[in-house]
Amino acid sequence: MAFGAEELRVLRRALALALQPRTASAEDVQDCLRLAESLDEAVREGVRLRAFLVADLARYRAALPGTTAGYLTLLEEALGAGYRPDVDDLSALRALRGNPSAAVLLDRCLTLAEQDVRARLARRATARPVAPTVPASRTRLLALPGGLSPVGEDAKEPVRKPVERPAPTPAPAAPKPSRPVPTPGEVFPRRKPAPPPTNPPQQLAAG
């Protein structure tokens, strides 16, 4: 990104205002706003240019080794625009290691890849949650009812004994009747059969 003479003048004035706070004039404010808009547009243009370079780089890489010269030129231009080589670029450069330009770009890409790995590891290390520590007053567990009692002066709370529940009272027995209950034989006595007649009546013969 290159600045023109007018842009450098406005940038120098904005830096002077930041280092020496004072009441800025309306002209200074407008110039700073125009400079901010120019910077935003330059950033957007850089993103678009990098996207075109990456797309062309992928096409040239897919056509290797016939497009070695064009691929190496595009890769160097993309690196200058902020592109970071990926695994496919490293594999392609290793295959073209016999080319002096490819060997130089391979060393450069390996250095950039190593820097990216270190940066990711540093971000993970800073974002890793710290394990909570247990306060010293909570490291000792109190004995549960029925277990061992704490011994020594550190035992601040006595161990509570379990409350003994009273044994259940047996249900009262059924009252005995004052009179004995009669049996069915006594209530309904068996009838004795009538004895057979000893002398059966004789029929008298007529006349």
Protein backbone atom coordinates (compact mmCIF):
# COMPACT_ATOMS: atom_id res chain seq x y z
CA MET A 1 0.00 0.00 0.00
CA ALA A 2 1.52 3.33 -1.11
CA PHE A 3 0.47 6.80 0.06
CA GLY A 4 0.47 9.91 -2.09
CA ALA A 5 1.88 13.28 -1.05
CA GLU A 6 -1.52 14.60 0.05
CA GLU A 7 -2.32 11.45 1.99
CA LEU A 8 1.01 11.58 3.78
CA ARG A 9 0.35 15.20 4.77
CA VAL A 10 -3.03 14.33 6.25
CA LEU A 11 -1.58 11.28 8.00
CA ARG A 12 1.19 13.39 9.53
CA ARG A 13 -1.37 15.90 10.76
CA ALA A 14 -3.54 13.12 12.27
CA LEU A 15 -0.51 11.74 14.12
CA ALA A 16 0.34 15.20 15.44
CA LEU A 17 -3.21 15.60 16.73
CA ALA A 18 -2.99 12.23 18.46
CA LEU A 19 0.36 13.05 20.11
CA GLN A 20 -0.54 16.62 21.08
CA PRO A 21 -4.25 16.79 21.95
CA ARG A 22 -5.84 20.09 21.06
CA THR A 23 -9.03 21.34 19.51
CA ALA A 24 -9.00 20.21 15.90
CA SER A 25 -10.42 22.47 13.24
CA ALA A 26 -13.26 21.44 10.96
CA GLU A 27 -10.80 21.18 8.05
CA ASP A 28 -8.59 18.77 9.99
CA VAL A 29 -11.58 16.59 10.85
CA GLN A 30 -12.70 16.43 7.22
CA ASP A 31 -9.19 15.57 6.01
CA CYS A 32 -8.93 12.75 8.57
CA LEU A 33 -12.30 11.39 7.52
CA ARG A 34 -11.27 11.41 3.86
CA LEU A 35 -8.03 9.65 4.75
CA ALA A 36 -9.95 6.98 6.68
CA GLU A 37 -12.22 6.41 3.70
CA SER A 38 -9.20 6.08 1.40
CA LEU A 39 -7.60 3.55 3.73
CA ASP A 40 -10.82 1.51 3.87
CA GLU A 41 -11.05 1.48 0.10
CA ALA A 42 -7.40 0.42 -0.20
CA VAL A 43 -8.00 -2.44 2.22
CA ARG A 44 -11.05 -3.61 0.26
CA GLU A 45 -9.09 -3.41 -2.98
CA GLY A 46 -6.29 -5.46 -1.43
CA VAL A 47 -8.76 -8.16 -0.40
CA ARG A 48 -10.19 -8.33 -3.92
CA LEU A 49 -6.72 -8.49 -5.47
CA ARG A 50 -5.67 -11.29 -3.13
CA ALA A 51 -8.80 -13.27 -3.98
CA PHE A 52 -8.02 -13.04 -7.73
CA LEU A 53 -4.41 -14.04 -7.14
CA VAL A 54 -5.41 -17.09 -5.07
CA ALA A 55 -7.88 -18.22 -7.75
CA ASP A 56 -5.24 -17.92 -10.51
CA LEU A 57 -2.69 -19.64 -8.30
CA ALA A 58 -4.99 -22.64 -7.84
CA ARG A 59 -5.46 -22.94 -11.62
CA TYR A 60 -1.71 -22.77 -12.30
CA ARG A 61 -0.97 -25.25 -9.53
CA ALA A 62 -3.46 -27.73 -10.95
CA ALA A 63 -1.69 -27.54 -14.35
CA LEU A 64 1.82 -28.21 -13.00
CA PRO A 65 4.52 -28.99 -14.08
CA GLY A 66 3.73 -27.35 -17.41
CA THR A 67 2.97 -24.00 -15.76
CA THR A 68 5.97 -23.85 -13.42
CA ALA A 69 7.15 -20.37 -14.40
CA GLY A 70 3.70 -18.80 -14.15
CA TYR A 71 2.93 -20.61 -10.88
CA LEU A 72 6.13 -19.43 -9.19
CA THR A 73 5.51 -15.84 -10.32
CA LEU A 74 1.93 -15.86 -9.05
CA LEU A 75 2.94 -17.46 -5.76
CA GLU A 76 5.57 -14.80 -5.11
CA GLU A 77 3.06 -12.06 -5.92
CA ALA A 78 0.42 -13.62 -3.69
CA LEU A 79 2.88 -13.88 -0.80
CA GLY A 80 3.63 -10.19 -1.18
CA ALA A 81 -0.13 -9.48 -0.94
CA GLY A 82 -0.43 -11.31 2.39
CA TYR A 83 -1.28 -14.82 1.17
CA ARG A 84 -0.23 -17.73 3.39
CA PRO A 85 0.83 -20.94 1.58
CA ASP A 86 -1.21 -24.05 2.25
CA VAL A 87 -0.37 -27.75 2.13
CA ASP A 88 -0.90 -27.95 -1.65
CA ASP A 89 1.62 -25.14 -2.24
CA LEU A 90 4.22 -26.84 -0.05
CA SER A 91 3.72 -30.15 -1.88
CA ALA A 92 4.03 -28.45 -5.27
CA LEU A 93 7.21 -26.61 -4.26
CA ARG A 94 8.78 -29.83 -2.96
CA ALA A 95 8.07 -31.47 -6.31
CA LEU A 96 9.73 -28.49 -8.08
CA ARG A 97 12.73 -28.38 -5.74
CA GLY A 98 15.12 -28.81 -8.69
CA ASN A 99 14.16 -25.32 -9.85
CA PRO A 100 16.25 -22.65 -8.04
CA SER A 101 13.32 -20.25 -7.81
CA ALA A 102 11.11 -23.01 -6.41
CA ALA A 103 13.74 -23.90 -3.79
CA VAL A 104 13.90 -20.27 -2.61
CA LEU A 105 10.12 -20.02 -2.43
CA LEU A 106 9.97 -23.33 -0.57
CA ASP A 107 12.27 -22.02 2.18
CA ARG A 108 10.20 -18.84 2.40
CA CYS A 109 6.91 -20.76 2.59
CA LEU A 110 8.26 -23.14 5.23
CA THR A 111 9.26 -20.18 7.38
CA LEU A 112 5.81 -18.64 7.04
CA ALA A 113 4.12 -21.95 7.85
CA GLU A 114 6.26 -22.36 10.96
CA GLN A 115 5.35 -18.84 12.09
CA ASP A 116 1.65 -19.60 11.62
CA VAL A 117 1.94 -22.81 13.68
CA ARG A 118 3.69 -20.98 16.52
CA ALA A 119 1.09 -18.23 16.47
CA ARG A 120 -1.76 -20.77 16.70
CA LEU A 121 -0.06 -22.58 19.58
CA ALA A 122 0.44 -19.30 21.41
CA ARG A 123 -3.22 -18.38 20.99
CA ARG A 124 -4.30 -21.78 22.29
CA ALA A 125 -1.98 -21.48 25.28
CA THR A 126 -3.39 -18.08 26.22
CA ALA A 127 -6.98 -19.22 25.71
CA ARG A 128 -6.56 -22.43 27.72
CA PRO A 129 -8.77 -22.26 30.87
CA VAL A 130 -6.98 -22.38 34.19
CA ALA A 131 -7.99 -25.26 36.46
CA PRO A 132 -9.71 -23.93 39.58
CA THR A 133 -7.82 -24.43 42.82
CA VAL A 134 -9.51 -25.72 45.94
CA PRO A 135 -9.14 -23.41 48.96
CA ALA A 136 -7.12 -24.80 51.84
CA SER A 137 -10.14 -24.68 54.14
CA ARG A 138 -12.03 -27.09 51.89
CA THR A 139 -9.35 -29.66 51.28
CA ARG A 140 -10.30 -31.67 54.40
CA LEU A 141 -13.51 -33.63 54.24
CA LEU A 142 -15.58 -34.09 57.37
CA ALA A 143 -16.40 -37.63 58.46
CA LEU A 144 -19.86 -38.85 57.65
CA PRO A 145 -22.14 -40.32 60.31
CA GLY A 146 -20.90 -43.78 61.15
CA GLY A 147 -17.39 -43.12 59.79
CA LEU A 148 -14.19 -41.91 61.39
CA SER A 149 -14.32 -38.78 63.49
CA PRO A 150 -11.89 -35.92 62.80
CA VAL A 151 -8.98 -35.99 65.20
CA GLY A 152 -6.95 -32.99 66.36
CA GLU A 153 -7.50 -29.29 66.77
CA ASP A 154 -8.35 -28.80 63.08
CA ALA A 155 -11.72 -30.48 63.60
CA LYS A 156 -13.95 -27.47 64.12
CA GLU A 157 -17.36 -29.06 63.81
CA PRO A 158 -18.34 -32.12 65.87
CA VAL A 159 -19.61 -35.17 64.10
CA ARG A 160 -23.36 -35.46 64.35
CA LYS A 161 -24.57 -38.83 65.59
CA PRO A 162 -27.45 -40.41 63.74
CA VAL A 163 -30.81 -40.02 65.44
CA GLU A 164 -32.08 -43.37 66.68
CA ARG A 165 -35.68 -43.96 65.80
CA PRO A 166 -37.86 -45.70 68.44
CA ALA A 167 -38.83 -49.28 67.72
CA PRO A 168 -42.32 -49.62 66.30
CA THR A 169 -44.96 -50.45 68.92
CA PRO A 170 -46.59 -53.85 68.26
CA ALA A 171 -50.26 -53.78 67.41
CA PRO A 172 -52.55 -54.69 70.36
CA ALA A 173 -53.83 -58.26 70.33
CA ALA A 174 -57.47 -58.87 69.57
CA PRO A 175 -59.58 -58.99 72.75
CA LYS A 176 -60.55 -62.46 73.91
CA PRO A 177 -64.32 -63.08 74.00
CA SER A 178 -65.84 -63.34 77.48
CA ARG A 179 -67.97 -66.34 76.43
CA PRO A 180 -66.66 -69.25 74.40
CA VAL A 181 -67.84 -69.35 70.84
CA PRO A 182 -70.23 -72.37 70.33
CA THR A 183 -69.29 -74.89 67.72
CA PRO A 184 -71.56 -75.72 64.75
CA GLY A 185 -72.35 -79.11 66.38
CA GLU A 186 -73.65 -77.37 69.45
CA VAL A 187 -75.77 -74.88 67.52
CA PHE A 188 -77.20 -77.44 65.12
CA PRO A 189 -77.38 -80.85 66.96
CA ARG A 190 -77.70 -83.92 64.81
CA ARG A 191 -81.09 -85.63 65.00
CA LYS A 192 -81.12 -89.26 65.98
CA PRO A 193 -82.94 -91.64 63.55
CA ALA A 194 -86.17 -93.17 64.80
CA PRO A 195 -85.76 -96.82 65.86
CA PRO A 196 -87.55 -99.43 63.71
CA PRO A 197 -90.70 -101.06 65.18
CA THR A 198 -90.02 -104.29 66.99
CA ASN A 199 -93.35 -106.12 66.20
CA PRO A 200 -94.71 -105.34 62.78
CA PRO A 201 -98.52 -105.31 62.70
CA GLN A 202 -100.00 -108.56 61.50
CA GLN A 203 -102.81 -108.54 59.09
CA LEU A 204 -105.78 -110.50 60.33
CA ALA A 205 -107.28 -112.89 57.88
CA ALA A 206 -110.84 -112.15 57.08
CA GLY A 207 -113.39 -114.77 58.13
